[in-house]
């Protein structure tokens, strides 16, 4: 895998492609790879050989937060994007449906020493609506406990496996962001939204009136 990454970087440089980031992501969570710490260390060595600075990033749910080696690997990334979809256990379980126990408070405490986490939150409506949880005190406490450097919120842009889970409109997403900024005023909140989320051209997101 390391050799493949190196070949890709060399090829991109040869073609004059300016690389924005070397990012660990995929169809699943990269944190489940048993050699993630080795891969992150190798990625850092490889990007130092490039003609311009390239950050190392990762998208993860941080399920392995109890493993010091995994936390160290996150800390070695310039942009550790960590998924957090609610501020209470019940809503988190309903959205993410983890197969094993996932304690968000313990996760936040484990990631706190990094002080560099970018929290990413998916706002949804319908059968599961996480807006009350995200706007509640539990979510703000988790974000602060992690000492997150930024919060990024968006919505789903393709139909999920579970039926009845819907995206929210841009206006609703902006409203959530505005209220979040008031509760965590020292942490920036960024909104990501597509005009026509793919997979939902026939769905009008319900308006939130709570």
Protein backbone atom coordinates (compact mmCIF):
# COMPACT_ATOMS: atom_id res chain seq x y z
CA UNK A 1 0.00 0.00 0.00
CA UNK A 2 2.81 2.41 0.85
CA UNK A 3 4.44 1.70 -2.52
CA UNK A 4 1.11 2.40 -4.26
CA UNK A 5 0.75 5.73 -2.49
CA UNK A 6 4.28 6.69 -3.46
CA UNK A 7 3.68 5.76 -7.11
CA UNK A 8 0.51 7.84 -7.13
CA UNK A 9 2.29 10.87 -5.71
CA UNK A 10 5.19 10.57 -8.15
CA UNK A 11 2.78 10.24 -11.07
CA UNK A 12 0.76 13.27 -9.95
CA UNK A 13 3.88 15.42 -9.67
CA UNK A 14 5.08 14.23 -13.10
CA UNK A 15 1.73 15.30 -14.61
CA UNK A 16 1.88 18.69 -12.95
CA UNK A 17 -1.03 17.99 -10.61
CA UNK A 18 -1.01 20.13 -7.49
CA UNK A 19 -2.01 17.85 -4.61
CA UNK A 20 -4.35 19.41 -2.05
CA UNK A 21 -4.10 16.65 0.54
CA UNK A 22 -3.06 13.05 1.04
CA UNK A 23 -6.25 11.76 2.65
CA UNK A 24 -7.16 8.49 4.32
CA UNK A 25 -10.82 7.77 3.55
CA UNK A 26 -12.85 5.18 1.69
CA UNK A 27 -15.91 2.96 1.61
CA UNK A 28 -15.75 2.35 5.33
CA UNK A 29 -13.64 3.80 8.09
CA UNK A 30 -9.85 3.82 7.65
CA UNK A 31 -9.43 3.45 11.40
CA UNK A 32 -10.26 -0.26 11.12
CA UNK A 33 -7.04 -0.88 9.20
CA UNK A 34 -4.70 -2.58 11.70
CA UNK A 35 -1.62 -0.82 10.30
CA UNK A 36 -3.04 2.71 10.21
CA UNK A 37 -0.27 4.17 12.44
CA UNK A 38 2.37 2.76 10.06
CA UNK A 39 0.53 4.11 7.02
CA UNK A 40 0.15 7.60 8.50
CA UNK A 41 3.85 7.71 9.39
CA UNK A 42 4.74 6.62 5.87
CA UNK A 43 2.41 9.23 4.38
CA UNK A 44 4.15 11.94 6.36
CA UNK A 45 7.54 10.78 5.07
CA UNK A 46 6.28 10.74 1.49
CA UNK A 47 4.70 14.20 1.47
CA UNK A 48 7.95 15.71 2.77
CA UNK A 49 9.53 14.70 -0.55
CA UNK A 50 7.01 16.68 -2.60
CA UNK A 51 7.88 20.06 -4.15
CA UNK A 52 5.17 21.88 -2.16
CA UNK A 53 3.58 21.38 1.29
CA UNK A 54 0.84 18.73 1.33
CA UNK A 55 -1.20 18.04 4.47
CA UNK A 56 -2.08 14.51 5.61
CA UNK A 57 -5.79 14.14 6.42
CA UNK A 58 -8.12 11.41 7.66
CA UNK A 59 -11.89 10.94 7.86
CA UNK A 60 -12.83 8.70 10.78
CA UNK A 61 -15.47 7.91 13.38
CA UNK A 62 -12.60 7.39 15.87
CA UNK A 63 -14.06 4.07 16.99
CA UNK A 64 -10.59 2.99 18.16
CA UNK A 65 -10.29 5.95 20.54
CA UNK A 66 -9.26 3.64 23.40
CA UNK A 67 -6.07 2.61 21.58
CA UNK A 68 -3.13 5.00 22.19
CA UNK A 69 -1.50 4.06 18.87
CA UNK A 70 -4.65 5.08 16.99
CA UNK A 71 -4.89 8.40 18.84
CA UNK A 72 -1.22 9.04 18.07
CA UNK A 73 -1.93 8.34 14.39
CA UNK A 74 -4.74 10.91 14.43
CA UNK A 75 -2.39 13.37 16.09
CA UNK A 76 0.14 12.83 13.32
CA UNK A 77 -2.44 13.97 10.73
CA UNK A 78 -2.68 17.65 9.88
CA UNK A 79 -6.46 17.38 9.43
CA UNK A 80 -8.13 14.71 11.59
CA UNK A 81 -11.82 14.88 10.60
CA UNK A 82 -13.86 13.11 13.28
CA UNK A 83 -17.54 12.19 12.89
CA UNK A 84 -19.91 13.24 15.67
CA UNK A 85 -23.61 13.16 14.77
CA UNK A 86 -25.28 13.89 18.10
CA UNK A 87 -24.69 14.88 21.68
CA UNK A 88 -26.49 12.00 23.44
CA UNK A 89 -26.09 8.24 23.34
CA UNK A 90 -29.60 7.40 22.12
CA UNK A 91 -29.46 9.66 19.06
CA UNK A 92 -25.91 8.60 18.23
CA UNK A 93 -26.95 4.94 18.35
CA UNK A 94 -29.99 5.59 16.15
CA UNK A 95 -27.92 7.31 13.46
CA UNK A 96 -24.61 5.48 13.48
CA UNK A 97 -25.79 2.07 14.73
CA UNK A 98 -22.38 0.96 16.01
CA UNK A 99 -21.84 -2.77 16.29
CA UNK A 100 -19.79 -2.33 19.44
CA UNK A 101 -20.04 0.09 22.34
CA UNK A 102 -19.12 3.66 21.51
CA UNK A 103 -18.86 6.13 24.38
CA UNK A 104 -18.79 9.65 22.95
CA UNK A 105 -17.63 11.14 26.25
CA UNK A 106 -14.72 8.70 26.46
CA UNK A 107 -13.89 9.41 22.82
CA UNK A 108 -13.86 13.16 23.40
CA UNK A 109 -11.61 12.75 26.42
CA UNK A 110 -9.22 10.50 24.49
CA UNK A 111 -8.94 13.01 21.64
CA UNK A 112 -8.66 16.05 23.90
CA UNK A 113 -4.83 16.06 24.03
CA UNK A 114 -4.70 16.47 20.24
CA UNK A 115 -6.36 19.88 20.26
CA UNK A 116 -6.59 19.71 16.48
CA UNK A 117 -9.73 17.72 15.71
CA UNK A 118 -12.19 18.92 13.06
CA UNK A 119 -15.66 17.68 14.04
CA UNK A 120 -17.95 16.75 11.16
CA UNK A 121 -21.68 16.41 11.85
CA UNK A 122 -24.36 15.11 9.49
CA UNK A 123 -27.71 16.80 10.11
CA UNK A 124 -30.72 14.64 9.23
CA UNK A 125 -34.49 14.72 9.59
CA UNK A 126 -37.37 12.31 9.15
CA UNK A 127 -37.39 9.04 11.08
CA UNK A 128 -34.29 10.17 12.95
CA UNK A 129 -33.93 13.88 13.63
CA UNK A 130 -30.68 14.82 15.36
CA UNK A 131 -31.14 18.59 15.40
CA UNK A 132 -32.43 18.79 18.99
CA UNK A 133 -29.46 16.71 20.13
CA UNK A 134 -26.87 18.71 18.15
CA UNK A 135 -28.28 21.95 19.52
CA UNK A 136 -28.43 20.62 23.07
CA UNK A 137 -25.82 21.09 25.79
CA UNK A 138 -24.41 17.57 25.41
CA UNK A 139 -23.08 18.21 21.91
CA UNK A 140 -21.46 21.50 22.88
CA UNK A 141 -19.80 19.80 25.87
CA UNK A 142 -18.38 17.05 23.65
CA UNK A 143 -17.00 19.51 21.12
CA UNK A 144 -15.43 21.61 23.84
CA UNK A 145 -14.03 18.55 25.61
CA UNK A 146 -12.32 17.52 22.36
CA UNK A 147 -10.92 21.05 22.05
CA UNK A 148 -12.04 20.94 18.41
CA UNK A 149 -10.53 23.54 16.13
CA UNK A 150 -13.62 23.63 13.88
CA UNK A 151 -17.09 22.15 13.45
CA UNK A 152 -18.32 21.32 9.95
CA UNK A 153 -21.98 20.52 9.37
CA UNK A 154 -23.69 19.14 6.31
CA UNK A 155 -26.51 16.79 5.36
CA UNK A 156 -26.84 13.52 3.46
CA UNK A 157 -26.52 13.72 -0.34
CA UNK A 158 -27.52 10.15 -1.20
CA UNK A 159 -30.17 7.79 0.11
CA UNK A 160 -28.97 6.02 3.24
CA UNK A 161 -29.41 2.33 3.96
CA UNK A 162 -32.17 3.07 6.46
CA UNK A 163 -35.50 4.22 5.06
CA UNK A 164 -37.17 7.39 6.27
CA UNK A 165 -33.96 9.31 6.97
CA UNK A 166 -34.01 12.58 5.03
CA UNK A 167 -31.72 15.53 4.35
CA UNK A 168 -32.43 19.03 5.62
CA UNK A 169 -32.71 22.16 3.50
CA UNK A 170 -29.95 24.73 3.20
CA UNK A 171 -32.03 27.16 5.26
CA UNK A 172 -32.43 24.64 8.06
CA UNK A 173 -28.72 23.80 7.97
CA UNK A 174 -27.87 27.48 8.21
CA UNK A 175 -30.27 27.87 11.14
CA UNK A 176 -28.54 25.03 13.00
CA UNK A 177 -25.14 26.61 12.31
CA UNK A 178 -26.30 29.99 13.62
CA UNK A 179 -27.48 28.50 16.90
CA UNK A 180 -24.36 26.38 17.22
CA UNK A 181 -22.13 29.44 16.84
CA UNK A 182 -23.95 31.02 19.75
CA UNK A 183 -23.30 28.03 22.01
CA UNK A 184 -19.67 27.38 21.00
CA UNK A 185 -18.72 30.92 20.01
CA UNK A 186 -14.95 30.30 20.21
CA UNK A 187 -15.08 27.38 17.73
CA UNK A 188 -15.81 28.15 14.04
CA UNK A 189 -18.83 26.44 12.45
CA UNK A 190 -18.75 25.87 8.68
CA UNK A 191 -21.74 24.82 6.54
CA UNK A 192 -21.41 22.49 3.54
CA UNK A 193 -24.45 22.12 1.29
CA UNK A 194 -25.19 21.08 -2.30
CA UNK A 195 -28.01 22.80 -4.18
CA UNK A 196 -29.50 19.49 -5.33
CA UNK A 197 -28.24 16.63 -3.17
CA UNK A 198 -27.68 13.62 -5.41
CA UNK A 199 -30.16 10.84 -4.82
CA UNK A 200 -32.82 13.18 -3.41
CA UNK A 201 -34.19 15.10 -6.44
CA UNK A 202 -37.74 14.03 -5.55
CA UNK A 203 -37.61 14.85 -1.85
CA UNK A 204 -38.54 18.16 -0.27
CA UNK A 205 -36.92 18.19 3.18
CA UNK A 206 -39.50 18.81 5.91
CA UNK A 207 -39.28 22.14 7.66
CA UNK A 208 -38.24 22.03 11.29
CA UNK A 209 -40.58 24.00 13.54
CA UNK A 210 -39.30 23.08 17.01
